[in-house]
PDB file of N, CA and C in Angstrom:
ATOM      1  N   MET A   1    -118.775 142.151-186.200  1.00  0.00           N
ATOM      2  CA  MET A   1    -117.773 142.107-185.153  1.00  0.00           C
ATOM      3  C   MET A   1    -117.405 140.645-184.876  1.00  0.00           C
ATOM      4  N   THR A   2    -116.133 140.350-184.860  1.00  0.00           N
ATOM      5  CA  THR A   2    -115.678 138.984-184.584  1.00  0.00           C
ATOM      6  C   THR A   2    -115.380 138.833-183.094  1.00  0.00           C
ATOM      7  N   LEU A   3    -115.636 137.673-182.604  1.00  0.00           N
ATOM      8  CA  LEU A   3    -115.353 137.349-181.213  1.00  0.00           C
ATOM      9  C   LEU A   3    -114.402 136.163-181.224  1.00  0.00           C
ATOM     10  N   ILE A   4    -113.145 136.421-180.898  1.00  0.00           N
ATOM     11  CA  ILE A   4    -112.097 135.404-180.939  1.00  0.00           C
ATOM     12  C   ILE A   4    -111.827 134.905-179.519  1.00  0.00           C
ATOM     13  N   ARG A   5    -111.861 133.595-179.364  1.00  0.00           N
ATOM     14  CA  ARG A   5    -111.558 132.943-178.091  1.00  0.00           C
ATOM     15  C   ARG A   5    -110.677 131.732-178.382  1.00  0.00           C
ATOM     16  N   PRO A   6    -109.860 131.314-177.410  1.00  0.00           N
ATOM     17  CA  PRO A   6    -109.054 130.108-177.625  1.00  0.00           C
ATOM     18  C   PRO A   6    -109.908 128.845-177.515  1.00  0.00           C
ATOM     19  N   CYS A   7    -109.596 127.882-178.336  1.00  0.00           N
ATOM     20  CA  CYS A   7    -110.245 126.570-178.259  1.00  0.00           C
ATOM     21  C   CYS A   7    -109.885 125.954-176.903  1.00  0.00           C
ATOM     22  N   PRO A   8    -110.852 125.442-176.156  1.00  0.00           N
ATOM     23  CA  PRO A   8    -110.555 124.844-174.851  1.00  0.00           C
ATOM     24  C   PRO A   8    -109.620 123.636-174.919  1.00  0.00           C
ATOM     25  N   THR A   9    -109.548 122.982-176.068  1.00  0.00           N
ATOM     26  CA  THR A   9    -108.722 121.782-176.194  1.00  0.00           C
ATOM     27  C   THR A   9    -107.309 122.101-176.667  1.00  0.00           C
ATOM     28  N   CYS A  10    -107.187 122.842-177.772  1.00  0.00           N
ATOM     29  CA  CYS A  10    -105.864 123.054-178.373  1.00  0.00           C
ATOM     30  C   CYS A  10    -105.362 124.491-178.278  1.00  0.00           C
ATOM     31  N   GLN A  11    -106.185 125.392-177.778  1.00  0.00           N
ATOM     32  CA  GLN A  11    -105.846 126.803-177.596  1.00  0.00           C
ATOM     33  C   GLN A  11    -105.719 127.602-178.893  1.00  0.00           C
ATOM     34  N   LYS A  12    -106.078 127.014-180.026  1.00  0.00           N
ATOM     35  CA  LYS A  12    -106.086 127.730-181.302  1.00  0.00           C
ATOM     36  C   LYS A  12    -107.178 128.797-181.255  1.00  0.00           C
ATOM     37  N   ASP A  13    -106.927 129.968-181.868  1.00  0.00           N
ATOM     38  CA  ASP A  13    -107.932 131.027-181.907  1.00  0.00           C
ATOM     39  C   ASP A  13    -109.148 130.589-182.710  1.00  0.00           C
ATOM     40  N   VAL A  14    -110.345 130.861-182.166  1.00  0.00           N
ATOM     41  CA  VAL A  14    -111.597 130.461-182.800  1.00  0.00           C
ATOM     42  C   VAL A  14    -112.505 131.682-182.904  1.00  0.00           C
ATOM     43  N   ASP A  15    -113.059 131.917-184.097  1.00  0.00           N
ATOM     44  CA  ASP A  15    -114.091 132.934-184.261  1.00  0.00           C
ATOM     45  C   ASP A  15    -115.395 132.285-183.805  1.00  0.00           C
ATOM     46  N   ILE A  16    -115.843 132.647-182.633  1.00  0.00           N
ATOM     47  CA  ILE A  16    -116.989 131.999-181.997  1.00  0.00           C
ATOM     48  C   ILE A  16    -118.253 132.101-182.848  1.00  0.00           C
ATOM     49  N   LYS A  17    -118.440 133.211-183.526  1.00  0.00           N
ATOM     50  CA  LYS A  17    -119.667 133.400-184.305  1.00  0.00           C
ATOM     51  C   LYS A  17    -119.741 132.488-185.525  1.00  0.00           C
ATOM     52  N   SER A  18    -118.609 132.133-186.111  1.00  0.00           N
ATOM     53  CA  SER A  18    -118.645 131.319-187.328  1.00  0.00           C
ATOM     54  C   SER A  18    -118.247 129.856-187.106  1.00  0.00           C
ATOM     55  N   ALA A  19    -117.779 129.522-185.932  1.00  0.00           N
ATOM     56  CA  ALA A  19    -117.347 128.147-185.652  1.00  0.00           C
ATOM     57  C   ALA A  19    -118.555 127.224-185.551  1.00  0.00           C
ATOM     58  N   THR A  20    -118.504 126.111-186.254  1.00  0.00           N
ATOM     59  CA  THR A  20    -119.622 125.161-186.214  1.00  0.00           C
ATOM     60  C   THR A  20    -119.558 124.250-184.991  1.00  0.00           C
ATOM     61  N   ALA A  21    -118.392 124.094-184.390  1.00  0.00           N
ATOM     62  CA  ALA A  21    -118.232 123.226-183.218  1.00  0.00           C
ATOM     63  C   ALA A  21    -117.965 124.055-181.964  1.00  0.00           C
ATOM     64  N   ARG A  22    -118.444 125.283-181.955  1.00  0.00           N
ATOM     65  CA  ARG A  22    -118.105 126.198-180.867  1.00  0.00           C
ATOM     66  C   ARG A  22    -118.417 125.625-179.501  1.00  0.00           C
ATOM     67  N   PRO A  23    -117.621 125.896-178.513  1.00  0.00           N
ATOM     68  CA  PRO A  23    -116.506 126.828-178.476  1.00  0.00           C
ATOM     69  C   PRO A  23    -115.195 126.231-178.978  1.00  0.00           C
ATOM     70  N   PHE A  24    -115.269 125.056-179.588  1.00  0.00           N
ATOM     71  CA  PHE A  24    -114.072 124.380-180.083  1.00  0.00           C
ATOM     72  C   PHE A  24    -113.767 124.808-181.509  1.00  0.00           C
ATOM     73  N   CYS A  25    -112.513 124.612-181.929  1.00  0.00           N
ATOM     74  CA  CYS A  25    -112.115 125.004-183.286  1.00  0.00           C
ATOM     75  C   CYS A  25    -112.552 123.973-184.318  1.00  0.00           C
ATOM     76  N   SER A  26    -112.797 122.736-183.879  1.00  0.00           N
ATOM     77  CA  SER A  26    -113.147 121.670-184.822  1.00  0.00           C
ATOM     78  C   SER A  26    -113.937 120.573-184.110  1.00  0.00           C
ATOM     79  N   GLU A  27    -114.534 119.724-184.907  1.00  0.00           N
ATOM     80  CA  GLU A  27    -115.247 118.564-184.366  1.00  0.00           C
ATOM     81  C   GLU A  27    -114.271 117.649-183.623  1.00  0.00           C
ATOM     82  N   ARG A  28    -113.043 117.560-184.122  1.00  0.00           N
ATOM     83  CA  ARG A  28    -112.020 116.726-183.475  1.00  0.00           C
ATOM     84  C   ARG A  28    -111.773 117.189-182.039  1.00  0.00           C
ATOM     85  N   CYS A  29    -111.580 118.501-181.849  1.00  0.00           N
ATOM     86  CA  CYS A  29    -111.343 119.026-180.500  1.00  0.00           C
ATOM     87  C   CYS A  29    -112.567 118.833-179.612  1.00  0.00           C
ATOM     88  N   ARG A  30    -113.756 118.948-180.182  1.00  0.00           N
ATOM     89  CA  ARG A  30    -114.981 118.734-179.422  1.00  0.00           C
ATOM     90  C   ARG A  30    -115.052 117.288-178.924  1.00  0.00           C
ATOM     91  N   LEU A  31    -114.694 116.342-179.786  1.00  0.00           N
ATOM     92  CA  LEU A  31    -114.729 114.928-179.410  1.00  0.00           C
ATOM     93  C   LEU A  31    -113.634 114.568-178.410  1.00  0.00           C
ATOM     94  N   ILE A  32    -112.482 115.212-178.513  1.00  0.00           N
ATOM     95  CA  ILE A  32    -111.419 114.997-177.527  1.00  0.00           C
ATOM     96  C   ILE A  32    -111.917 115.414-176.149  1.00  0.00           C
ATOM     97  N   ASP A  33    -112.571 116.561-176.072  1.00  0.00           N
ATOM     98  CA  ASP A  33    -113.106 117.046-174.804  1.00  0.00           C
ATOM     99  C   ASP A  33    -114.201 116.119-174.275  1.00  0.00           C
ATOM    100  N   LEU A  34    -115.087 115.686-175.143  1.00  0.00           N
ATOM    101  CA  LEU A  34    -116.154 114.763-174.745  1.00  0.00           C
ATOM    102  C   LEU A  34    -115.564 113.463-174.198  1.00  0.00           C
ATOM    103  N   GLY A  35    -114.530 112.955-174.863  1.00  0.00           N
ATOM    104  CA  GLY A  35    -113.870 111.739-174.395  1.00  0.00           C
ATOM    105  C   GLY A  35    -113.231 111.915-173.031  1.00  0.00           C
ATOM    106  N   ALA A  36    -112.664 113.091-172.781  1.00  0.00           N
ATOM    107  CA  ALA A  36    -112.058 113.356-171.475  1.00  0.00           C
ATOM    108  C   ALA A  36    -113.113 113.345-170.374  1.00  0.00           C
ATOM    109  N   TRP A  37    -114.290 113.904-170.672  1.00  0.00           N
ATOM    110  CA  TRP A  37    -115.385 113.841-169.691  1.00  0.00           C
ATOM    111  C   TRP A  37    -115.830 112.395-169.492  1.00  0.00           C
ATOM    112  N   ALA A  38    -115.956 111.630-170.563  1.00  0.00           N
ATOM    113  CA  ALA A  38    -116.412 110.240-170.475  1.00  0.00           C
ATOM    114  C   ALA A  38    -115.433 109.375-169.682  1.00  0.00           C
ATOM    115  N   GLU A  39    -114.145 109.680-169.793  1.00  0.00           N
ATOM    116  CA  GLU A  39    -113.124 108.930-169.052  1.00  0.00           C
ATOM    117  C   GLU A  39    -112.915 109.479-167.645  1.00  0.00           C
ATOM    118  N   GLU A  40    -113.736 110.452-167.268  1.00  0.00           N
ATOM    119  CA  GLU A  40    -113.675 111.090-165.953  1.00  0.00           C
ATOM    120  C   GLU A  40    -112.335 111.765-165.679  1.00  0.00           C
ATOM    121  N   ASN A  41    -111.724 112.336-166.731  1.00  0.00           N
ATOM    122  CA  ASN A  41    -110.508 113.119-166.545  1.00  0.00           C
ATOM    123  C   ASN A  41    -110.819 114.471-165.920  1.00  0.00           C
ATOM    124  N   TYR A  42    -112.034 114.951-166.088  1.00  0.00           N
ATOM    125  CA  TYR A  42    -112.487 116.200-165.487  1.00  0.00           C
ATOM    126  C   TYR A  42    -113.423 115.846-164.346  1.00  0.00           C
ATOM    127  N   LYS A  43    -113.346 116.635-163.305  1.00  0.00           N
ATOM    128  CA  LYS A  43    -114.246 116.426-162.176  1.00  0.00           C
ATOM    129  C   LYS A  43    -114.766 117.779-161.711  1.00  0.00           C
ATOM    130  N   ILE A  44    -116.015 117.803-161.291  1.00  0.00           N
ATOM    131  CA  ILE A  44    -116.594 119.009-160.729  1.00  0.00           C
ATOM    132  C   ILE A  44    -116.415 118.915-159.220  1.00  0.00           C
ATOM    133  N   PRO A  45    -115.695 119.881-158.621  1.00  0.00           N
ATOM    134  CA  PRO A  45    -115.420 119.779-157.188  1.00  0.00           C
ATOM    135  C   PRO A  45    -116.691 119.944-156.353  1.00  0.00           C
ATOM    136  N   THR A  46    -116.784 119.145-155.319  1.00  0.00           N
ATOM    137  CA  THR A  46    -117.881 119.246-154.360  1.00  0.00           C
ATOM    138  C   THR A  46    -117.300 119.078-152.967  1.00  0.00           C
ATOM    139  N   GLN A  47    -118.053 119.508-151.996  1.00  0.00           N
ATOM    140  CA  GLN A  47    -117.633 119.292-150.619  1.00  0.00           C
ATOM    141  C   GLN A  47    -118.207 117.959-150.162  1.00  0.00           C
ATOM    142  N   ALA A  48    -117.324 117.063-149.789  1.00  0.00           N
ATOM    143  CA  ALA A  48    -117.757 115.739-149.341  1.00  0.00           C
ATOM    144  C   ALA A  48    -118.309 115.835-147.927  1.00  0.00           C
ATOM    145  N   ASN A  49    -119.404 115.165-147.700  1.00  0.00           N
ATOM    146  CA  ASN A  49    -119.982 115.070-146.367  1.00  0.00           C
ATOM    147  C   ASN A  49    -119.634 113.685-145.840  1.00  0.00           C
ATOM    148  N   ASN A  50    -118.606 113.622-145.015  1.00  0.00           N
ATOM    149  CA  ASN A  50    -118.109 112.333-144.533  1.00  0.00           C
ATOM    150  C   ASN A  50    -119.007 111.707-143.472  1.00  0.00           C
ATOM    151  N   ASN A  51    -120.032 112.409-143.019  1.00  0.00           N
ATOM    152  CA  ASN A  51    -120.933 111.869-142.004  1.00  0.00           C
ATOM    153  C   ASN A  51    -121.990 110.948-142.601  1.00  0.00           C
ATOM    154  N   GLU A  52    -122.201 111.037-143.906  1.00  0.00           N
ATOM    155  CA  GLU A  52    -123.211 110.206-144.556  1.00  0.00           C
ATOM    156  C   GLU A  52    -122.526 109.114-145.376  1.00  0.00           C
ATOM    157  N   PRO A  53    -123.062 107.894-145.342  1.00  0.00           N
ATOM    158  CA  PRO A  53    -122.473 106.834-146.174  1.00  0.00           C
ATOM    159  C   PRO A  53    -122.683 107.129-147.657  1.00  0.00           C
ATOM    160  N   PHE A  54    -121.758 106.674-148.464  1.00  0.00           N
ATOM    161  CA  PHE A  54    -121.842 106.878-149.911  1.00  0.00           C
ATOM    162  C   PHE A  54    -122.972 106.038-150.488  1.00  0.00           C
ATOM    163  N   ASN A  55    -123.809 106.663-151.287  1.00  0.00           N
ATOM    164  CA  ASN A  55    -124.895 105.960-151.968  1.00  0.00           C
ATOM    165  C   ASN A  55    -124.779 106.272-153.456  1.00  0.00           C
ATOM    166  N   PRO A  56    -124.340 105.310-154.280  1.00  0.00           N
ATOM    167  CA  PRO A  56    -124.136 105.583-155.709  1.00  0.00           C
ATOM    168  C   PRO A  56    -125.425 105.870-156.465  1.00  0.00           C
ATOM    169  N   HIS A  57    -126.576 105.630-155.857  1.00  0.00           N
ATOM    170  CA  HIS A  57    -127.857 105.848-156.532  1.00  0.00           C
ATOM    171  C   HIS A  57    -128.438 107.230-156.268  1.00  0.00           C
ATOM    172  N   ASP A  58    -127.751 108.058-155.491  1.00  0.00           N
ATOM    173  CA  ASP A  58    -128.234 109.431-155.240  1.00  0.00           C
ATOM    174  C   ASP A  58    -128.054 110.308-156.442  1.00  0.00           C
TER     175      ASP A  58
END
């Protein structure tokens, strides 16, 4: 049974079971996504607590 999902980067159909860079269609798309995380293009939303001072070491 094949499991087809879109590549998160380029939206090309990917057979998840046989893809070596899953969930991406290729190593190139995997590296594009990694670079976007490294450049902080993606952010995980959090609720800011404005009552506490920012501490970058937390």
